Structure formats: C-alpha cells, structure tokens
Protein backbone atom coordinates (compact mmCIF):
# COMPACT_ATOMS: atom_id res chain seq x y z
CA MET A 1 37.83 -6.61 11.87
CA LYS A 2 34.73 -6.40 13.64
CA LEU A 3 34.23 -9.38 15.99
CA PRO A 4 31.09 -11.05 16.46
CA THR A 5 29.14 -10.63 19.51
CA ALA A 6 27.31 -12.56 21.84
CA LEU A 7 25.43 -12.99 24.90
CA ASP A 8 25.86 -15.45 27.55
CA LEU A 9 22.36 -16.79 29.41
CA PHE A 10 22.84 -18.65 32.60
CA ALA A 11 26.38 -18.31 32.37
CA GLY A 12 27.79 -19.80 35.41
CA ALA A 13 31.67 -18.92 36.13
CA GLY A 14 32.00 -18.55 32.16
CA GLY A 15 33.16 -21.52 30.81
CA ALA A 16 31.23 -21.00 27.52
CA THR A 17 32.36 -17.16 27.53
CA GLN A 18 35.80 -18.24 27.70
CA GLY A 19 35.15 -20.87 24.95
CA LEU A 20 33.51 -18.11 22.81
CA ARG A 21 36.04 -15.51 23.19
CA ASN A 22 38.49 -18.15 22.48
CA ALA A 23 36.59 -18.40 18.88
CA GLY A 24 36.69 -14.86 18.45
CA TYR A 25 33.59 -13.61 19.74
CA ARG A 26 33.43 -10.57 21.85
CA VAL A 27 30.78 -11.28 25.03
CA VAL A 28 29.06 -8.41 25.88
CA GLY A 29 26.48 -9.24 28.29
CA ALA A 30 25.64 -12.28 30.79
CA VAL A 31 23.46 -13.42 32.98
CA GLU A 32 23.91 -15.71 36.22
CA ASN A 33 22.00 -15.61 39.38
CA ASP A 34 24.24 -17.41 41.54
CA ALA A 35 26.81 -14.96 43.46
CA ALA A 36 29.61 -17.20 43.99
CA ALA A 37 29.18 -18.23 40.16
CA ALA A 38 28.91 -14.44 39.25
CA GLY A 39 31.98 -13.63 41.47
CA SER A 40 34.11 -16.12 39.44
CA TYR A 41 32.73 -14.53 36.44
CA ARG A 42 33.65 -11.22 36.93
CA LEU A 43 37.08 -12.24 37.89
CA ASN A 44 37.97 -13.85 34.56
CA HIS A 45 35.87 -11.53 32.18
CA PRO A 46 35.38 -7.96 33.94
CA ASP A 47 34.64 -6.09 30.66
CA VAL A 48 31.51 -8.29 30.22
CA ASP A 49 28.08 -6.57 31.56
CA LEU A 50 27.18 -9.55 33.57
CA ARG A 51 23.52 -9.13 35.61
CA CYS A 52 23.79 -10.99 38.54
CA ILE A 53 20.02 -11.53 39.05
CA ASP A 54 16.99 -14.10 38.54
CA ILE A 55 16.66 -13.52 34.82
CA ARG A 56 12.85 -13.78 35.15
CA GLU A 57 13.47 -10.16 36.49
CA ILE A 58 15.27 -8.73 33.63
CA ASP A 59 13.67 -6.99 31.05
CA PRO A 60 15.39 -7.90 27.62
CA ALA A 61 14.57 -4.67 25.92
CA ARG A 62 16.18 -2.58 28.42
CA PHE A 63 19.16 -5.01 28.72
CA ARG A 64 19.40 -4.72 25.05
CA SER A 65 19.32 -1.06 24.97
CA ASP A 66 21.68 -0.76 27.92
CA LEU A 67 24.36 -3.16 25.86
CA LYS A 68 23.48 -0.61 22.78
CA LEU A 69 22.42 -3.21 20.41
CA GLN A 70 19.80 -2.98 17.95
CA ARG A 71 17.29 -5.72 17.08
CA GLY A 72 18.99 -8.35 14.80
CA MET A 73 22.67 -6.79 15.63
CA LEU A 74 23.33 -9.73 18.16
CA THR A 75 25.60 -12.45 16.25
CA LEU A 76 25.16 -15.27 19.06
CA LEU A 77 22.93 -15.96 21.89
CA LYS A 78 24.27 -18.73 23.98
CA ALA A 79 21.76 -20.56 26.95
CA CYS A 80 22.53 -23.59 29.10
CA PRO A 81 19.24 -23.35 31.53
CA PRO A 82 19.59 -25.30 34.73
CA CYS A 83 19.19 -29.09 33.70
CA GLN A 84 18.47 -30.72 37.08
CA GLY A 85 15.05 -31.84 36.81
CA PHE A 86 15.97 -33.10 32.93
CA SER A 87 19.40 -34.94 34.34
CA THR A 88 19.55 -38.56 34.51
CA LEU A 89 21.11 -37.78 37.98
CA GLY A 90 19.36 -36.80 41.24
CA ALA A 91 15.79 -36.73 41.74
CA HIS A 92 14.51 -36.42 38.07
CA ASP A 93 11.72 -34.08 38.90
CA ARG A 94 9.65 -32.84 35.94
CA ASP A 95 7.93 -30.21 38.39
CA ASP A 96 11.17 -28.56 39.63
CA GLU A 97 10.47 -25.12 38.95
CA ARG A 98 14.05 -24.20 37.38
CA ASN A 99 12.99 -25.95 34.83
CA ASP A 100 10.63 -23.56 33.64
CA LEU A 101 13.34 -21.50 33.30
CA VAL A 102 13.84 -22.79 29.53
CA ARG A 103 10.86 -20.30 28.84
CA GLU A 104 13.09 -17.32 29.35
CA VAL A 105 15.48 -18.31 26.21
CA TRP A 106 12.11 -17.75 23.93
CA ARG A 107 11.84 -14.26 25.71
CA PHE A 108 15.41 -12.91 24.91
CA VAL A 109 15.53 -14.61 21.48
CA ARG A 110 12.26 -12.38 20.71
CA GLU A 111 13.64 -9.19 21.65
CA PHE A 112 17.30 -9.45 20.49
CA LEU A 113 16.53 -11.59 17.38
CA PRO A 114 20.02 -13.12 17.10
CA ALA A 115 21.71 -14.57 13.94
CA ALA A 116 22.14 -17.63 15.85
CA VAL A 117 21.41 -19.29 18.97
CA ILE A 118 22.91 -21.91 20.88
CA VAL A 119 21.42 -24.24 23.43
CA GLU A 120 23.29 -26.55 25.24
CA ASN A 121 21.91 -28.84 27.99
CA VAL A 122 21.33 -32.76 28.76
CA ARG A 123 19.96 -34.86 26.68
CA GLY A 124 16.42 -35.30 28.75
CA ILE A 125 15.42 -31.69 28.20
CA GLY A 126 14.70 -32.63 24.37
CA ARG A 127 11.74 -34.70 25.67
CA ASP A 128 9.92 -31.67 27.75
CA PRO A 129 7.17 -29.85 26.07
CA ARG A 130 8.61 -26.42 27.67
CA PHE A 131 11.70 -27.17 25.30
CA ALA A 132 9.30 -28.33 22.24
CA LEU A 133 7.39 -24.84 22.70
CA MET A 134 10.46 -22.93 22.75
CA THR A 135 11.99 -24.47 19.25
CA ARG A 136 8.33 -23.79 17.76
CA GLN A 137 8.24 -20.49 18.81
CA MET A 138 11.46 -19.74 17.18
CA ARG A 139 10.74 -21.48 14.20
CA GLY A 140 7.48 -19.36 13.96
CA ILE A 141 9.71 -16.26 13.93
CA GLY A 142 11.79 -17.64 10.94
CA TYR A 143 14.84 -19.43 12.57
CA ARG A 144 15.91 -22.92 11.00
CA ILE A 145 16.79 -25.17 13.83
CA ARG A 146 18.99 -28.27 14.20
CA GLN A 147 19.17 -30.75 17.13
CA TYR A 148 22.19 -32.38 18.12
CA THR A 149 23.56 -35.32 20.36
CA ILE A 150 26.87 -35.04 21.26
CA ASP A 151 29.71 -36.09 23.47
CA ALA A 152 32.26 -33.53 24.33
CA ALA A 153 35.08 -36.10 24.19
CA ASP A 154 34.40 -36.27 20.28
CA PHE A 155 35.60 -32.60 20.53
CA GLY A 156 38.96 -33.16 22.17
CA VAL A 157 37.38 -32.38 25.73
CA PRO A 158 39.09 -34.90 28.13
CA GLN A 159 35.75 -35.90 29.76
CA HIS A 160 32.98 -38.06 28.50
CA ARG A 161 29.72 -35.43 28.68
CA GLU A 162 26.78 -36.16 26.63
CA ARG A 163 24.98 -33.26 25.57
CA LEU A 164 21.91 -32.09 23.61
CA ILE A 165 23.00 -29.03 21.18
CA VAL A 166 20.47 -26.97 19.69
CA ILE A 167 21.71 -24.14 16.93
CA ALA A 168 19.23 -22.08 15.40
CA VAL A 169 20.18 -19.57 12.41
CA ARG A 170 17.83 -16.62 11.36
CA VAL A 171 19.79 -16.22 7.80
CA GLY A 172 19.67 -18.64 4.65
CA GLY A 173 21.77 -21.64 4.11
CA SER A 174 21.89 -24.85 5.75
CA LEU A 175 22.71 -26.33 8.99
CA PRO A 176 25.55 -28.90 9.06
CA VAL A 177 24.03 -32.60 9.35
CA ASP A 178 27.10 -33.39 11.68
CA ILE A 179 28.80 -30.67 13.95
CA SER A 180 32.49 -31.71 13.33
CA GLU A 181 31.98 -31.63 9.76
CA ALA A 182 31.58 -27.56 9.98
CA LEU A 183 34.49 -27.08 12.14
CA PRO A 184 37.51 -25.59 10.73
CA PRO A 185 40.07 -27.94 9.77
CA ASP A 186 42.95 -26.64 12.29
CA PHE A 187 40.35 -27.64 15.27
CA SER A 188 41.32 -31.18 16.39
CA VAL A 189 38.70 -33.43 17.32
CA ALA A 190 41.07 -35.97 18.47
CA ARG A 191 40.28 -37.54 22.19
CA MET A 192 42.15 -36.61 24.85
CA SER A 193 42.64 -39.29 27.92
CA ALA A 194 42.50 -38.27 31.36
CA GLY A 195 45.96 -39.36 32.06
CA GLU A 196 47.08 -36.76 28.85
CA ALA A 197 45.13 -34.06 30.50
CA LEU A 198 46.83 -34.81 34.05
CA GLU A 199 50.00 -34.79 32.48
CA SER A 200 49.75 -31.07 31.69
CA ILE A 201 49.18 -29.97 35.19
CA ALA A 202 51.65 -32.73 36.73
CA ASP A 203 54.11 -29.83 38.01
CA LEU A 204 51.17 -27.94 40.10
CA THR A 205 51.31 -28.12 43.80
CA GLU A 206 48.87 -26.65 46.64
CA ALA A 207 51.39 -24.60 47.27
CA THR A 208 51.78 -22.59 43.49
CA ASP A 209 47.67 -23.20 42.89
CA ALA A 210 45.48 -22.91 45.86
CA LEU A 211 42.92 -24.46 43.62
CA HIS A 212 44.80 -27.76 43.34
CA ARG A 213 43.21 -29.20 47.11
CA GLY A 214 40.98 -32.00 47.28
CA ARG A 215 38.02 -32.61 49.57
CA ARG A 216 39.26 -33.40 52.99
CA LEU A 217 38.52 -37.09 53.92
CA ALA A 218 37.01 -39.28 56.60
CA PRO A 219 39.76 -41.80 57.62
CA LEU A 220 37.74 -44.48 56.57
CA THR A 221 37.16 -42.89 53.30
CA GLU A 222 41.02 -42.92 52.98
CA GLU A 223 41.22 -46.44 53.81
CA ARG A 224 38.53 -47.49 51.11
CA ILE A 225 40.67 -45.43 48.49
CA ARG A 226 43.72 -47.09 49.44
CA ALA A 227 42.10 -50.36 49.06
CA ILE A 228 40.93 -49.71 45.35
CA PRO A 229 43.56 -50.46 42.72
CA VAL A 230 44.39 -48.46 39.60
CA GLY A 231 41.03 -48.85 37.21
CA GLY A 232 39.13 -50.13 40.06
CA GLY A 233 36.16 -49.00 42.16
CA ARG A 234 33.84 -50.12 44.91
CA PHE A 235 33.32 -53.59 43.60
CA ASN A 236 37.16 -54.20 44.63
CA LEU A 237 36.90 -53.28 48.29
CA PRO A 238 36.92 -56.25 50.68
CA ALA A 239 33.95 -57.15 52.72
CA GLY A 240 34.47 -54.87 55.65
CA LEU A 241 35.16 -51.96 53.79
CA GLN A 242 31.86 -52.24 51.56
CA LEU A 243 29.18 -49.73 52.31
CA ALA A 244 26.11 -50.88 53.65
CA CYS A 245 23.85 -48.59 51.25
CA HIS A 246 25.70 -50.05 48.19
CA SER A 247 24.19 -53.84 49.16
CA SER A 248 20.84 -52.69 48.14
CA VAL A 249 21.54 -51.31 45.16
CA GLY A 250 23.79 -54.00 43.65
CA ARG A 251 25.83 -53.23 40.64
CA SER A 252 23.26 -50.71 39.38
CA ALA A 253 25.35 -47.81 41.09
CA ALA A 254 28.74 -48.78 39.63
CA SER A 255 30.52 -45.32 39.74
CA PRO A 256 31.01 -44.39 43.26
CA TYR A 257 34.60 -44.85 44.73
CA GLY A 258 35.99 -45.73 41.22
CA ARG A 259 39.09 -44.41 39.90
CA VAL A 260 39.27 -42.19 36.99
CA ARG A 261 41.13 -44.33 33.89
CA LEU A 262 43.91 -42.85 32.77
CA GLU A 263 43.74 -44.28 29.12
CA ASP A 264 40.27 -42.98 28.84
CA PRO A 265 38.40 -39.64 28.96
CA ALA A 266 37.43 -38.93 32.29
CA PRO A 267 33.60 -39.48 33.50
CA THR A 268 31.23 -36.66 33.15
CA MET A 269 32.25 -33.94 35.63
CA THR A 270 29.09 -33.25 38.00
CA THR A 271 28.43 -30.64 40.64
CA ARG A 272 30.21 -33.19 43.00
CA CYS A 273 33.33 -33.85 41.04
CA THR A 274 35.93 -34.07 43.77
CA THR A 275 33.85 -36.45 46.07
CA PRO A 276 34.78 -40.07 45.75
CA ALA A 277 31.42 -41.27 47.39
CA CYS A 278 29.56 -39.45 44.24
CA GLY A 279 31.18 -40.86 41.26
CA ARG A 280 34.44 -42.07 39.75
CA PHE A 281 36.27 -39.04 40.94
CA ILE A 282 39.29 -40.86 42.67
CA HIS A 283 42.82 -39.77 41.27
CA PRO A 284 43.83 -42.74 38.99
CA THR A 285 47.06 -43.66 40.83
CA GLU A 286 47.10 -41.80 43.90
CA HIS A 287 44.95 -42.58 47.29
CA ARG A 288 42.85 -39.13 47.03
CA GLY A 289 39.72 -37.68 45.53
CA LEU A 290 40.49 -35.45 42.34
CA THR A 291 41.62 -31.96 43.05
CA LEU A 292 39.27 -28.84 42.12
CA ARG A 293 42.28 -27.89 39.64
CA GLU A 294 42.16 -31.17 38.06
CA ALA A 295 38.16 -31.00 37.65
CA ALA A 296 38.80 -27.85 35.81
CA VAL A 297 41.35 -29.25 33.47
CA PHE A 298 38.73 -31.85 32.41
CA GLN A 299 36.24 -29.21 31.82
CA THR A 300 39.19 -27.37 29.75
CA PHE A 301 39.12 -24.34 31.91
CA PRO A 302 42.81 -22.67 31.61
CA VAL A 303 44.98 -23.31 34.15
CA THR A 304 45.00 -19.67 35.16
CA TYR A 305 41.43 -19.58 35.80
CA THR A 306 40.16 -18.47 38.95
CA PHE A 307 37.20 -19.16 40.81
CA THR A 308 36.01 -17.46 44.11
CA GLY A 309 33.39 -19.33 46.96
CA ASN A 310 33.84 -21.92 49.22
CA TYR A 311 34.86 -25.37 48.40
CA GLY A 312 31.60 -26.82 47.83
CA GLN A 313 30.64 -23.55 45.69
CA ILE A 314 33.89 -23.85 43.53
CA GLU A 315 33.36 -27.73 42.92
CA ARG A 316 29.58 -26.76 41.93
CA GLN A 317 30.81 -23.94 39.44
CA ILE A 318 33.13 -26.42 37.65
CA GLY A 319 30.47 -29.22 37.37
CA ASN A 320 27.90 -26.78 35.94
CA ALA A 321 30.03 -25.55 33.41
CA VAL A 322 30.05 -25.97 29.63
CA PRO A 323 33.53 -27.45 28.78
CA VAL A 324 35.56 -24.27 27.35
CA ARG A 325 36.55 -26.37 24.40
CA LEU A 326 33.13 -27.73 23.41
CA ALA A 327 32.04 -24.00 23.76
CA GLU A 328 34.85 -23.02 21.44
CA ALA A 329 33.70 -25.63 18.50
CA LEU A 330 30.03 -24.42 18.79
CA GLY A 331 31.28 -21.17 18.38
CA LEU A 332 33.26 -21.56 15.39
CA VAL A 333 30.61 -24.13 13.80
CA VAL A 334 28.12 -20.82 14.04
CA THR A 335 30.93 -18.57 12.87
CA ARG A 336 31.32 -20.51 9.45
CA THR A 337 27.91 -21.59 9.08
CA LEU A 338 26.83 -17.77 9.16
CA ALA A 339 29.59 -16.83 6.66
CA LYS A 340 28.72 -19.71 4.56
CA ALA A 341 24.77 -18.33 4.56
CA ILE A 342 25.96 -14.86 3.76
CA ALA A 343 28.34 -15.83 0.63
CA GLY A 344 25.75 -17.91 -0.68
CA PRO A 345 23.74 -14.80 -2.09
CA ARG A 346 26.76 -12.97 -2.81
CA ALA A 347 28.05 -15.75 -4.86
CA ARG A 348 24.79 -16.21 -6.84
CA ALA A 349 24.59 -12.38 -7.11
CA SER A 350 27.81 -11.87 -8.87
CA SER A 351 27.45 -14.82 -11.28
C-alpha cells in the first residue's frame, strides 16, 4: 500500500517528522535553517530530503520538482513557523522579523497544493494579521479550515503545552469539531504524569546515555535546590537564599526554581527546559535540574533519538520541538479526515 506523503517546514530536530512517520506517513522533504537542529534531523531521518537553508531562499517550485511531485500529489504539508514573537514568554515583539515567516507557509501551500495542511504554533499567533492573511489566502483557493486550541497533555503527552492547531483540507467532507473525536479508537488520550514518564527511563545513567545529563550548577544554585521540598518552588526558599530579582516581581513569576510535580504532567518544555532559574524545571525528588533526556521524554521523543550540537543547542532543539505524540495524533486525524472525504462521494455513487 502506498503511504501518504508529507513535507515538514520549520522541521527543527524532527519531532513532527517522527510523529508523522509513526502515523504512517512517508516524509519526503523538510526545511530547517538552524544547522545544529538540521544535524539532529539528518541523524534520525537520513532518508528525507532536508534543505538546511533560510526558507525564504527556497524556490518551492524547484523543490517540488526535486521531490518528483506534481501539484496536488502531496498529502500533507506541516508547518511550525518560529513563535518567539507570538509567545507569552520573552519580549512579545510583534515586529520580530521571524514573525514574517508565517507568510512562507502560503508560498509552499500555493505551489504544492497538498490535500491537507497542519500549522502548529503558540496561541498568540491567532491574533496576528499575517496569520489571518494566510488563512484567507488558503480559503481563497478552496481550502476549508478549522482552528483548535489544545493542550498536548490531552493527547497522552506528559507535559502541559497549549497550542493553536490549524487543519486545512482541499477535498470534500467535514473537519472534526473536536480533534480527539477523529482519532482512531486505539489511540489513547489518557493523561500521563511526569512521574510515569520519568519511570520509563529510571534505569538510564549518563554512562549509558550521554544525553542523560543536566546543566552544571553553581554551588549557590545547588544550595537553593536542596532547600526546595518535593512539589515546592522559590517561595519555599528561606530568606537568605531568595533571589533579589524575585522581590521586585512578587508572586507573578512563580515558576522559576520550581520542582516538576510527579503526579501531574510536566510544565511546558521551553528552550531553557533544563535550567532551574527559567521555570519549573527541577527534578521532582532529586537535587538537580532536569536532564536533556528527561526533557526529551517529556516531549515524547523516543529514548533512542539522537541530538547533535552543544548543550545549549540541544536544549533549544528539545524545547522548540512539536511533541512527537501530538504530531502523530494530528497525522492520524488528517488521514481519517481525508479518508472519510474520499469515501463519501464513492458511497453516494454506489447507492
């Protein structure tokens, strides 16, 4: 049986590609500008035609020709343009030039005319005029579009991660009102706790997995971590260990120096997801920050997934990734949605 095909734009280290492959897709091409992330991608997906270049410099028509695809032959185009300017974290700069990369999605959609499109991003992108223009342009050439606000934890990802998902299809039929309703019955949407995820790699050590290592911490940082109880955070620190910068923000910045809670999904993995000062990224019970492998497991990367680059580059790749299991779920939803759309006319023709 011929597998459905996919193109992965803004592919990062390949989390979405891995998920789509798990869902039965043959990912034929990908684009990723960051050299370290592209190196990780190639290690894990050597059979994909990956272009490590600024997407604005790619001619979509030539890329399509290189992939030996006619217009309309591609099953799925997935895109996750950079979200820094739309995120609730950081500077919230709507003029960040990376925000303009949303426009690149339209160039590829127009050229490839895929049967379906998935765009995954932070919720804030939905308020941006460039995003609204992209959806109008897609509707103008016949795509039906639905937007969903989801939490990855509701798809079995052991991490809270709120995202805006756009699914667009070019064939007849209807898009699901609720993404989970369109999943196969055997795809579990039961929540997984951080403790359950960590238990799955309990036997790992740095000696057996080079990625199972955390940041080197200053002695004062280690002392702070030892003073934080299970389930606690910076508000549990004694006066002598409080950070001066936290006194000016009061209780508004509650996450830094917080422990991951065993009984709940982990917090959103960010580009600083193993840095205790940047979020609730302290191990639930041990006196250390999360390791890179633990963060990758919260992103549902296979434990065998390989990353390349220095520590900070790998941390950023993990935090930027689409959770593998979420991408798998979205791929399955598209497959079933397209199958129903095709089956509908056939059923009417045979009646």
